Protein backbone atom coordinates (compact mmCIF):
# COMPACT_ATOMS: atom_id res chain seq x y z
CA MET A 1 -19.23 -31.88 -17.99
CA ALA A 2 -18.40 -28.88 -20.21
CA ALA A 3 -18.67 -25.59 -18.39
CA ASP A 4 -20.66 -22.58 -19.55
CA TYR A 5 -17.47 -20.43 -19.40
CA ASP A 6 -13.79 -21.12 -19.40
CA LEU A 7 -13.25 -18.17 -16.93
CA LEU A 8 -15.46 -16.37 -14.43
CA VAL A 9 -13.93 -13.02 -13.21
CA ILE A 10 -15.33 -11.58 -9.99
CA GLY A 11 -14.81 -7.91 -9.76
CA GLY A 12 -15.18 -5.00 -12.26
CA GLY A 13 -12.27 -2.87 -11.18
CA ILE A 14 -9.08 -2.38 -13.18
CA ASN A 15 -7.62 -5.83 -12.34
CA GLY A 16 -10.89 -7.73 -13.14
CA THR A 17 -11.58 -5.92 -16.49
CA GLY A 18 -7.94 -6.12 -17.51
CA ILE A 19 -7.81 -9.91 -16.87
CA ALA A 20 -11.15 -10.48 -18.77
CA ARG A 21 -9.95 -8.37 -21.71
CA ASP A 22 -6.60 -10.29 -21.93
CA ALA A 23 -8.28 -13.68 -21.52
CA VAL A 24 -11.01 -13.24 -24.12
CA GLY A 25 -8.44 -11.87 -26.52
CA ARG A 26 -6.54 -15.13 -26.17
CA GLY A 27 -9.65 -17.14 -27.05
CA ALA A 28 -11.11 -18.03 -23.74
CA SER A 29 -14.84 -17.70 -23.07
CA VAL A 30 -15.25 -15.15 -20.24
CA LEU A 31 -17.90 -13.92 -17.89
CA LEU A 32 -17.15 -10.91 -15.69
CA VAL A 33 -19.50 -10.04 -12.77
CA GLU A 34 -19.48 -6.84 -10.70
CA MET A 35 -21.79 -6.25 -7.83
CA GLY A 36 -21.91 -2.46 -8.37
CA ASP A 37 -20.74 -0.23 -11.17
CA LEU A 38 -17.54 -0.73 -13.12
CA ALA A 39 -14.79 1.16 -11.21
CA GLY A 40 -17.39 1.74 -8.58
CA ALA A 41 -14.90 1.48 -5.71
CA THR A 42 -11.13 1.58 -5.45
CA SER A 43 -10.43 1.86 -9.23
CA SER A 44 -12.18 5.29 -9.50
CA ALA A 45 -10.60 6.66 -6.29
CA SER A 46 -6.94 6.77 -7.27
CA THR A 47 -4.69 9.82 -7.77
CA LYS A 48 -5.22 9.14 -11.52
CA LEU A 49 -1.56 8.76 -12.27
CA ILE A 50 0.39 6.27 -14.41
CA HIS A 51 3.69 6.41 -12.49
CA GLY A 52 6.53 4.43 -11.35
CA GLY A 53 6.09 5.56 -7.64
CA LEU A 54 9.13 7.69 -6.88
CA ARG A 55 8.65 7.35 -3.11
CA TYR A 56 8.64 3.51 -3.34
CA LEU A 57 12.38 3.72 -4.04
CA GLU A 58 12.82 4.64 -0.29
CA TYR A 59 11.29 1.22 0.57
CA TYR A 60 13.64 -0.62 -1.94
CA GLU A 61 10.59 -1.52 -4.10
CA PHE A 62 12.97 -1.50 -7.20
CA ASN A 63 11.11 -4.36 -9.10
CA LEU A 64 7.80 -2.68 -8.57
CA VAL A 65 9.15 0.71 -9.80
CA ARG A 66 10.86 -0.81 -12.82
CA LYS A 67 7.76 -2.64 -13.72
CA ALA A 68 5.57 0.44 -13.39
CA LEU A 69 7.99 2.69 -15.27
CA LYS A 70 8.01 0.37 -18.25
CA GLU A 71 4.25 0.46 -18.41
CA ARG A 72 3.87 4.25 -18.55
CA GLU A 73 4.42 4.58 -22.31
CA VAL A 74 2.76 1.28 -23.12
CA LEU A 75 -0.53 2.53 -21.56
CA TRP A 76 -0.13 6.01 -23.03
CA ARG A 77 0.15 4.46 -26.47
CA ALA A 78 -2.89 2.28 -25.88
CA ALA A 79 -5.08 5.11 -24.79
CA PRO A 80 -3.81 8.61 -25.79
CA HIS A 81 -7.30 10.00 -25.37
CA ILE A 82 -7.52 9.29 -21.62
CA ALA A 83 -3.85 9.22 -20.75
CA TRP A 84 -1.17 11.95 -21.31
CA PRO A 85 2.18 13.09 -19.99
CA LEU A 86 2.57 15.29 -16.94
CA ARG A 87 5.60 17.15 -15.79
CA PHE A 88 5.98 17.07 -11.95
CA ILE A 89 7.69 19.79 -10.01
CA LEU A 90 9.25 18.60 -6.72
CA PRO A 91 10.36 21.54 -4.67
CA HIS A 92 13.44 21.08 -2.44
CA HIS A 93 12.41 21.55 1.25
CA LYS A 94 15.61 22.42 3.14
CA ASP A 95 14.38 20.72 6.33
CA LEU A 96 13.56 17.33 4.68
CA ARG A 97 15.28 15.15 2.21
CA PRO A 98 18.65 16.74 0.94
CA ALA A 99 18.83 17.95 -2.66
CA TRP A 100 21.48 15.34 -3.55
CA LEU A 101 19.24 12.49 -2.48
CA LEU A 102 16.34 13.73 -4.51
CA ARG A 103 18.54 14.05 -7.52
CA LEU A 104 19.93 10.55 -6.95
CA GLY A 105 16.48 9.13 -6.75
CA LEU A 106 15.30 10.92 -9.94
CA PHE A 107 18.40 9.60 -11.75
CA PHE A 108 17.33 6.11 -10.92
CA TYR A 109 13.76 7.00 -11.82
CA ASP A 110 14.89 8.18 -15.24
CA HIS A 111 16.98 5.02 -16.00
CA LEU A 112 15.22 2.17 -14.35
CA GLY A 113 12.64 1.49 -17.09
CA GLY A 114 12.21 1.95 -20.70
CA ARG A 115 11.71 5.66 -21.09
CA GLU A 116 11.54 6.58 -24.85
CA LEU A 117 9.14 9.51 -25.30
CA LEU A 118 8.86 11.09 -21.88
CA PRO A 119 11.48 13.84 -21.27
CA ALA A 120 14.15 13.37 -18.49
CA THR A 121 14.51 15.05 -15.18
CA LYS A 122 15.96 18.56 -14.97
CA THR A 123 16.75 21.02 -12.14
CA VAL A 124 14.62 24.09 -12.19
CA ARG A 125 14.58 27.55 -10.51
CA LEU A 126 11.33 27.92 -8.57
CA ASP A 127 11.70 31.76 -8.43
CA ARG A 128 11.12 31.92 -12.18
CA PRO A 129 7.95 31.50 -14.32
CA PRO A 130 6.17 29.27 -14.83
CA PHE A 131 7.55 27.20 -11.98
CA CYS A 132 7.05 29.89 -9.27
CA GLN A 133 3.37 30.28 -10.03
CA GLY A 134 1.39 29.08 -7.00
CA LEU A 135 4.32 28.44 -4.75
CA LYS A 136 5.52 30.26 -1.69
CA LYS A 137 8.51 32.45 -2.44
CA LEU A 138 10.73 30.68 0.04
CA PHE A 139 11.04 27.64 -2.33
CA ARG A 140 13.89 28.49 -4.89
CA LYS A 141 15.15 25.18 -6.13
CA GLY A 142 13.35 22.08 -7.41
CA PHE A 143 13.27 19.26 -9.93
CA GLU A 144 11.05 18.62 -12.83
CA TYR A 145 10.43 14.99 -13.89
CA SER A 146 7.92 13.03 -16.02
CA ASP A 147 5.06 10.66 -15.29
CA CYS A 148 1.57 10.35 -16.90
CA TRP A 149 -2.04 11.10 -16.04
CA VAL A 150 -4.93 8.75 -16.65
CA ASP A 151 -8.68 8.87 -16.25
CA ASP A 152 -8.81 5.83 -14.02
CA ALA A 153 -12.56 5.01 -14.23
CA ARG A 154 -12.48 5.37 -18.08
CA LEU A 155 -9.50 3.02 -18.24
CA VAL A 156 -11.63 0.45 -16.50
CA VAL A 157 -14.64 0.97 -18.68
CA LEU A 158 -12.59 0.81 -21.89
CA ASN A 159 -10.95 -2.45 -20.85
CA ALA A 160 -14.52 -3.79 -20.22
CA ARG A 161 -15.66 -2.40 -23.61
CA ASP A 162 -12.83 -4.12 -25.46
CA ALA A 163 -13.51 -7.33 -23.63
CA ALA A 164 -17.14 -7.25 -24.56
CA ASP A 165 -16.38 -6.32 -28.12
CA ARG A 166 -14.18 -9.48 -28.25
CA GLY A 167 -16.88 -11.74 -26.92
CA ALA A 168 -16.79 -11.46 -23.10
CA GLU A 169 -20.02 -11.12 -21.18
CA ILE A 170 -20.04 -8.23 -18.69
CA LEU A 171 -22.70 -8.17 -15.95
CA THR A 172 -22.82 -5.18 -13.57
CA ARG A 173 -25.11 -4.91 -10.57
CA THR A 174 -24.60 -8.69 -10.31
CA LYS A 175 -23.34 -10.43 -7.13
CA CYS A 176 -21.68 -13.79 -6.85
CA VAL A 177 -23.54 -15.25 -3.85
CA SER A 178 -22.08 -18.84 -3.96
CA ALA A 179 -19.51 -20.92 -5.77
CA ARG A 180 -18.82 -24.56 -5.13
CA ARG A 181 -16.70 -27.18 -6.82
CA ASP A 182 -18.92 -29.75 -8.60
CA GLY A 183 -17.85 -32.49 -10.95
CA GLY A 184 -14.62 -30.79 -12.18
CA VAL A 185 -16.14 -27.33 -12.64
CA TRP A 186 -17.30 -24.39 -10.53
CA SER A 187 -21.08 -24.24 -9.98
CA VAL A 188 -21.95 -20.59 -9.29
CA VAL A 189 -25.06 -18.72 -8.25
CA LEU A 190 -25.30 -15.09 -9.35
CA LYS A 191 -27.94 -12.55 -8.25
CA ASP A 192 -29.11 -9.71 -10.38
CA LEU A 193 -29.32 -6.98 -7.73
CA ALA A 194 -31.71 -4.91 -9.93
CA THR A 195 -34.37 -7.62 -10.32
CA GLY A 196 -33.56 -10.01 -7.50
CA GLU A 197 -33.37 -12.94 -9.84
CA ASP A 198 -30.82 -15.71 -9.48
CA ARG A 199 -28.89 -17.20 -12.31
CA LYS A 200 -26.80 -20.45 -12.20
CA VAL A 201 -23.67 -20.80 -14.34
CA THR A 202 -20.64 -23.06 -14.43
CA ALA A 203 -17.02 -22.11 -15.14
CA ASP A 204 -13.76 -24.03 -15.30
CA VAL A 205 -11.75 -21.33 -13.47
CA ILE A 206 -12.61 -18.38 -11.20
CA VAL A 207 -10.48 -15.30 -10.82
CA ASN A 208 -11.28 -13.40 -7.61
CA ALA A 209 -10.41 -9.88 -8.34
CA ALA A 210 -12.88 -8.44 -5.85
CA GLY A 211 -10.57 -5.64 -4.48
CA PRO A 212 -11.30 -4.85 -0.84
CA TRP A 213 -13.75 -7.76 -0.82
CA VAL A 214 -11.16 -10.37 -2.03
CA ALA A 215 -10.65 -12.15 1.22
CA GLU A 216 -14.34 -12.14 2.06
CA MET A 217 -15.10 -13.52 -1.41
CA LEU A 218 -12.46 -16.21 -1.15
CA SER A 219 -13.38 -17.57 2.31
CA GLY A 220 -17.07 -16.74 2.43
CA VAL A 221 -18.28 -17.44 -1.19
CA VAL A 222 -15.78 -19.63 -2.88
CA GLY A 223 -14.93 -21.53 0.36
CA ALA A 224 -11.19 -21.80 -0.52
CA ASN A 225 -8.30 -21.66 1.90
CA ASN A 226 -6.90 -18.08 2.38
CA ALA A 227 -3.14 -18.15 3.06
CA SER A 228 -2.56 -14.46 2.40
CA ARG A 229 -3.56 -11.52 4.52
CA ILE A 230 -5.03 -8.38 3.13
CA ARG A 231 -4.48 -4.85 4.54
CA LEU A 232 -7.13 -2.29 3.89
CA VAL A 233 -5.67 1.19 3.45
CA LYS A 234 -7.97 4.18 2.80
CA GLY A 235 -6.76 6.85 0.48
CA SER A 236 -8.64 10.24 0.31
CA HIS A 237 -8.53 13.23 -2.02
CA ILE A 238 -9.93 16.76 -2.05
CA ILE A 239 -10.82 18.99 -4.99
CA VAL A 240 -10.44 22.78 -4.65
CA PRO A 241 -10.73 25.72 -7.04
CA ARG A 242 -7.66 26.01 -9.29
CA ARG A 243 -4.52 27.17 -7.34
CA PHE A 244 -2.22 27.80 -10.35
CA GLU A 245 -2.50 28.36 -14.08
CA HIS A 246 0.29 26.28 -15.52
CA ASP A 247 -0.06 22.58 -16.56
CA ARG A 248 2.54 21.15 -14.19
CA CYS A 249 1.80 19.00 -11.22
CA PHE A 250 3.42 19.57 -7.80
CA ILE A 251 4.65 16.85 -5.57
CA PHE A 252 5.11 17.98 -1.96
CA GLN A 253 7.17 16.23 0.67
CA ASN A 254 5.76 16.18 4.23
CA GLY A 255 7.46 15.91 7.55
CA ASP A 256 5.86 12.60 8.29
CA GLY A 257 7.66 10.98 5.19
CA ARG A 258 4.56 10.97 3.00
CA ILE A 259 4.11 13.01 -0.20
CA VAL A 260 1.08 14.86 -1.45
CA PHE A 261 0.16 15.83 -5.04
CA ALA A 262 -1.42 18.99 -6.28
CA ILE A 263 -2.62 18.33 -9.86
CA PRO A 264 -4.44 20.47 -12.37
CA TYR A 265 -7.92 18.89 -12.63
CA GLU A 266 -10.71 19.26 -15.05
CA GLY A 267 -9.68 22.79 -16.13
CA ASP A 268 -10.96 24.88 -13.20
CA PHE A 269 -9.87 22.68 -10.19
CA THR A 270 -6.83 21.37 -8.34
CA LEU A 271 -6.80 17.82 -7.11
CA ILE A 272 -4.93 17.35 -3.81
CA GLY A 273 -4.13 13.86 -2.41
CA THR A 274 -3.58 11.27 -1.04
CA THR A 275 -3.76 10.03 2.57
CA ASP A 276 -2.82 6.52 3.86
CA VAL A 277 -4.93 5.42 6.75
CA ASP A 278 -5.62 1.90 7.86
CA PHE A 279 -9.23 1.17 7.37
CA GLU A 280 -11.71 -0.85 9.49
CA GLY A 281 -15.33 -0.55 8.94
CA ASP A 282 -18.16 -0.90 6.36
CA LEU A 283 -16.74 -1.01 2.88
CA GLU A 284 -20.05 0.24 1.54
CA LYS A 285 -19.58 3.45 3.50
CA VAL A 286 -16.11 4.72 2.65
CA GLY A 287 -15.65 8.54 3.02
CA ILE A 288 -13.12 11.17 3.94
CA SER A 289 -12.74 12.15 7.57
CA GLY A 290 -12.35 15.65 8.90
CA ALA A 291 -8.87 14.81 10.05
CA GLU A 292 -7.97 13.85 6.46
CA ILE A 293 -9.34 16.98 5.06
CA ASP A 294 -7.28 18.93 7.58
CA TYR A 295 -4.13 16.88 6.78
CA LEU A 296 -4.44 17.60 3.03
CA CYS A 297 -5.18 21.23 3.51
CA GLU A 298 -2.22 21.71 5.84
CA ALA A 299 0.13 19.65 3.65
CA ALA A 300 -0.72 21.77 0.56
CA SER A 301 -0.75 25.12 2.49
CA GLU A 302 2.93 24.52 3.54
CA TYR A 303 3.92 24.99 -0.06
CA LEU A 304 1.22 26.83 -1.95
CA GLU A 305 1.10 30.70 -1.94
CA GLU A 306 -2.68 30.61 -1.40
CA PRO A 307 -3.55 28.59 1.65
CA VAL A 308 -6.04 25.73 1.27
CA ILE A 309 -8.72 25.59 3.98
CA PRO A 310 -11.56 23.02 4.46
CA GLU A 311 -14.10 25.66 3.29
CA ASP A 312 -12.48 25.68 -0.16
CA VAL A 313 -13.20 22.01 -0.74
CA VAL A 314 -15.79 21.49 -3.52
CA HIS A 315 -15.67 17.67 -3.66
CA THR A 316 -13.90 14.72 -2.02
CA TYR A 317 -13.45 11.02 -2.79
CA SER A 318 -11.99 8.14 -0.97
CA GLY A 319 -11.20 4.60 -1.86
CA VAL A 320 -9.84 1.48 0.06
CA ARG A 321 -6.74 -0.06 -1.39
CA PRO A 322 -6.66 -3.83 -0.86
CA LEU A 323 -2.99 -4.15 -0.23
CA TYR A 324 -1.13 -7.39 0.52
CA ASP A 325 -0.16 -7.28 4.20
CA ASP A 326 3.60 -7.61 4.35
CA GLY A 327 3.75 -6.65 8.06
CA ALA A 328 4.83 -3.06 7.48
CA LYS A 329 4.26 -0.91 10.60
CA ASP A 330 2.88 2.14 8.77
CA ALA A 331 0.29 2.17 6.12
CA LYS A 332 2.46 4.28 3.87
CA ALA A 333 5.16 1.67 3.83
CA ALA A 334 2.96 -1.33 2.93
CA THR A 335 3.90 -2.75 -0.36
CA ARG A 336 1.96 -1.62 -3.44
CA ASP A 337 2.98 -4.67 -5.42
CA TYR A 338 0.54 -7.49 -6.06
CA VAL A 339 0.45 -11.13 -4.89
CA LEU A 340 -1.41 -13.89 -6.80
CA GLU A 341 -2.70 -16.83 -4.84
CA LEU A 342 -3.83 -20.01 -6.58
CA ASP A 343 -6.05 -22.67 -4.86
CA GLY A 344 -6.80 -25.97 -6.52
CA GLY A 345 -5.92 -26.57 -10.21
CA GLU A 346 -4.58 -30.17 -10.06
CA ASP A 347 -7.43 -32.38 -8.87
CA ALA A 348 -10.00 -29.56 -8.34
CA PRO A 349 -11.20 -26.46 -10.28
CA ALA A 350 -8.82 -23.57 -9.78
CA VAL A 351 -9.52 -20.12 -8.13
CA LEU A 352 -6.88 -17.46 -8.36
CA SER A 353 -7.09 -14.40 -6.01
CA VAL A 354 -5.51 -11.09 -6.63
CA PHE A 355 -4.19 -9.19 -3.60
CA GLY A 356 -2.87 -5.64 -4.06
CA GLY A 357 -1.91 -3.96 -7.38
CA LYS A 358 -1.74 -0.60 -8.87
CA ILE A 359 -3.50 1.07 -11.76
CA THR A 360 -0.19 1.42 -13.51
CA THR A 361 0.63 -2.23 -13.47
CA TYR A 362 -2.78 -3.83 -14.19
CA ARG A 363 -1.87 -4.97 -17.69
CA LYS A 364 1.31 -6.87 -16.38
CA LEU A 365 -0.84 -8.37 -13.62
CA ALA A 366 -3.32 -9.70 -16.11
CA GLU A 367 -0.52 -11.31 -18.07
CA GLN A 368 0.92 -13.00 -14.96
CA VAL A 369 -2.50 -14.14 -13.95
CA LEU A 370 -3.07 -15.73 -17.31
CA GLN A 371 0.41 -17.29 -17.20
CA LYS A 372 -0.56 -19.04 -14.00
CA LEU A 373 -3.81 -20.23 -15.53
CA GLU A 374 -2.39 -21.51 -18.84
CA PRO A 375 -2.69 -25.17 -17.80
CA PHE A 376 -6.43 -24.80 -17.16
CA LEU A 377 -7.60 -22.54 -20.00
CA PRO A 378 -7.88 -23.04 -23.84
CA PHE A 379 -5.69 -20.20 -25.04
CA LYS A 380 -5.28 -19.75 -28.80
CA ARG A 381 -2.77 -16.92 -28.73
CA GLY A 382 -0.10 -15.48 -26.37
CA VAL A 383 0.71 -12.05 -25.00
CA TRP A 384 -1.02 -9.35 -27.04
CA THR A 385 -2.25 -6.34 -25.00
CA ALA A 386 1.00 -4.36 -25.05
CA TYR A 387 0.39 -3.56 -28.74
CA ALA A 388 -3.36 -3.22 -28.96
CA PRO A 389 -5.09 0.13 -28.46
CA LEU A 390 -8.11 0.44 -26.20
CA PRO A 391 -11.35 1.60 -27.83
CA GLY A 392 -10.99 5.08 -29.26
CA GLY A 393 -7.30 5.06 -28.76
CA ASP A 394 -6.22 4.28 -32.37
CA PHE A 395 -4.23 7.48 -33.01
CA ARG A 396 -0.77 8.72 -32.33
CA VAL A 397 0.18 9.94 -28.89
CA ASP A 398 1.29 13.28 -30.28
CA ALA A 399 -1.89 13.69 -32.45
CA PHE A 400 -4.53 14.56 -29.92
CA ALA A 401 -4.99 18.14 -31.06
CA ASP A 402 -5.21 16.87 -34.64
CA GLU A 403 -7.90 14.51 -33.55
CA VAL A 404 -9.93 17.34 -31.99
CA ALA A 405 -9.48 19.35 -35.17
CA ARG A 406 -10.73 16.42 -37.29
CA LEU A 407 -13.76 15.93 -35.10
CA ARG A 408 -14.67 19.65 -35.45
CA ALA A 409 -14.15 19.38 -39.19
CA ASP A 410 -16.57 16.45 -39.40
CA TYR A 411 -19.05 18.09 -36.98
CA PRO A 412 -18.71 21.85 -37.49
CA PHE A 413 -21.42 22.62 -34.84
CA LEU A 414 -19.20 21.44 -31.98
CA GLY A 415 -17.30 24.18 -30.00
CA GLU A 416 -13.69 23.73 -29.20
CA ALA A 417 -14.41 22.81 -25.55
CA PHE A 418 -17.15 20.25 -26.44
CA ALA A 419 -15.04 18.65 -29.13
CA THR A 420 -12.07 18.44 -26.76
CA ARG A 421 -14.17 16.94 -24.03
CA LEU A 422 -15.65 14.25 -26.30
CA THR A 423 -12.28 13.43 -27.71
CA ARG A 424 -10.79 13.15 -24.20
CA LEU A 425 -13.47 10.68 -23.22
CA TYR A 426 -14.04 8.70 -26.38
CA GLY A 427 -11.15 9.29 -28.76
CA THR A 428 -11.98 8.18 -32.30
CA ASP A 429 -15.17 6.54 -31.02
CA ALA A 430 -16.62 10.16 -30.67
CA ARG A 431 -17.67 9.77 -34.30
CA LEU A 432 -19.71 6.57 -33.47
CA LEU A 433 -21.27 8.40 -30.65
CA LEU A 434 -22.21 11.42 -32.67
CA GLY A 435 -23.32 9.41 -35.72
CA ASP A 436 -25.34 11.32 -38.34
CA ALA A 437 -25.85 14.46 -36.18
CA THR A 438 -25.63 17.67 -38.13
CA ASP A 439 -26.50 20.18 -35.34
CA LEU A 440 -26.97 20.23 -31.57
CA ALA A 441 -30.64 19.64 -31.99
CA ASP A 442 -29.94 16.18 -33.31
CA LEU A 443 -28.19 15.23 -30.04
CA GLY A 444 -31.47 15.61 -28.14
CA ARG A 445 -32.04 17.01 -24.70
CA CYS A 446 -29.26 18.83 -22.97
CA PHE A 447 -28.82 18.17 -19.21
CA GLY A 448 -26.26 20.85 -18.74
CA HIS A 449 -22.67 21.65 -19.74
CA ASP A 450 -22.89 19.99 -23.13
CA LEU A 451 -24.17 16.68 -21.82
CA TYR A 452 -26.75 15.61 -24.35
CA GLU A 453 -29.18 12.82 -24.54
CA ARG A 454 -27.21 11.08 -27.36
CA GLU A 455 -24.13 10.74 -25.16
CA VAL A 456 -26.12 9.48 -22.22
CA VAL A 457 -27.77 6.79 -24.36
CA TRP A 458 -24.28 5.80 -25.64
CA LEU A 459 -23.17 5.50 -21.98
CA ILE A 460 -26.22 3.24 -21.22
CA ASP A 461 -26.01 1.02 -24.25
CA ARG A 462 -22.25 0.80 -24.61
CA GLU A 463 -20.69 1.49 -21.21
CA TRP A 464 -23.08 -0.04 -18.64
CA ALA A 465 -24.15 3.31 -17.04
CA ARG A 466 -27.29 2.87 -14.87
CA THR A 467 -27.53 5.91 -12.69
CA ALA A 468 -26.61 9.62 -12.79
CA ASP A 469 -23.56 8.97 -10.65
CA ASP A 470 -22.18 6.49 -13.13
CA VAL A 471 -22.39 9.17 -15.76
CA LEU A 472 -21.37 12.17 -13.81
CA TRP A 473 -18.50 10.81 -11.69
CA ARG A 474 -17.12 7.78 -13.52
CA ARG A 475 -17.90 7.96 -17.22
CA THR A 476 -17.39 11.72 -17.19
CA LYS A 477 -16.46 14.15 -14.44
CA LEU A 478 -19.45 16.47 -15.01
CA GLY A 479 -20.61 15.99 -11.47
CA LEU A 480 -18.36 19.02 -10.82
CA ARG A 481 -20.42 21.10 -13.23
CA LEU A 482 -24.08 19.94 -12.95
CA ASP A 483 -26.28 21.03 -9.95
CA ALA A 484 -28.50 18.65 -7.87
CA GLY A 485 -31.56 19.45 -10.01
CA GLN A 486 -29.85 18.59 -13.26
CA ALA A 487 -28.50 15.43 -11.82
CA ALA A 488 -31.94 14.49 -10.62
CA ASP A 489 -33.30 15.05 -14.23
CA LEU A 490 -30.53 12.90 -15.59
CA ASP A 491 -31.28 10.10 -13.14
CA ALA A 492 -34.96 10.22 -14.12
CA PHE A 493 -34.10 10.10 -17.79
CA ILE A 494 -31.67 7.02 -17.29
CA ALA A 495 -34.38 5.22 -15.26
CA GLY A 496 -36.89 5.80 -18.11
CA CYS A 497 -34.45 4.47 -20.76
CA LEU A 498 -33.83 1.39 -18.75
CA ALA A 499 -37.52 0.82 -18.23
CA GLU A 500 -38.08 1.09 -21.94
CA ARG A 501 -35.33 -1.42 -22.62
CA THR A 502 -36.72 -3.83 -20.04
CA GLY A 503 -40.22 -3.54 -21.50
CA ALA A 504 -38.99 -4.11 -24.93
CA ALA A 505 -37.00 -7.18 -23.88
CA ALA A 506 -39.99 -8.65 -22.13
């Protein structure tokens, strides 16, 4: 019998949405289900970097580093509103890795993969501006190299947006509760977690991109064999008031062999992370520990002129990375590359499970997933995502300031900060969001810090936002700005909007 969908993707993180986008763009009919919010777990808890992974060179992960380095400029070109270059300053610590080894590693980093636009590494004096700002005076020599920043949660949402615009069906707050092989297709039961209603669908192929739940989904729901092992590793970050004025990022070496980043964040803050801690426990209750806070504070304080103490922390976030278990003794040494495991496909419907992966390599992962699934899916075109912008990203990488200026020219009532924020989040789609507005009053109620009703409605209708947290911490980062009362007002407004839509649909 003919299935309802060619492909069912389980998991609305970066891998799941990237696979759904690529598949629907090739002509497959696609359904993606996510039991929470898009990017609701690991994919919104990264260090928010598009990077090759300088430290992975020490573990001889040359293929992973090369693959990731080649993707930096591909992703920057696809989404210049939510991704942009960062220059990283690596201070030389005389008691850790020698300077010659750092320079050698950075030479490889510069030349392993396809750098065209990003500037090369250079040696810098850390006792001179702007490099000295924020650092202790004892650090005099360092290296400056390039990687990129990305808003990880928005990268996920924009992949889902593009998939939906091309015909995919995206269901959030929907759990896959069972899947069984039946007459050459998958017979699947989905539960709408908002209403409690069940829905039955069929699919030719399943992709299990459930992140930390991948093994549980494979054995408990799909009922397939699980030959791969997953290693759950928790990474945590802290956010503190801004520690330096310049736009560089610091990368600090630690005595335990790990590195910690200190990154300019949302204008007034510094993001510090990450940790690597093996995780056992409830995946619904992932949070930073006191020991992790102390570790990050101490690691940053060894380098920063102004010490970081736990009382400075204004926000934290944690995520669990579903790494492929390669048997490494320490969490920091476990591979960050991905493994794709296929079950069935010859005489039974196929399920492909994704173990591991990184934000930076999600697009290549999607291509390799679909390459494995080519015999089972009706593709009408080949590889395409490397050349297609994500929604709002259809402008040159060097034209962000021009895009802000054009938005202000079209909507003169926008201040510089407001226009910049909208362009950073929505790119050229900011005009679709603002529509026919001629003044701020046309944008409706303001919930605080230039978050108006019209933007919230856009996020509900176009980006699957269902709660204040969806808006404040994943679609935007205004959770750092709005107080508890404003967040509660926003939650009530969203609930009202959703109730109206449910009533209208009935």
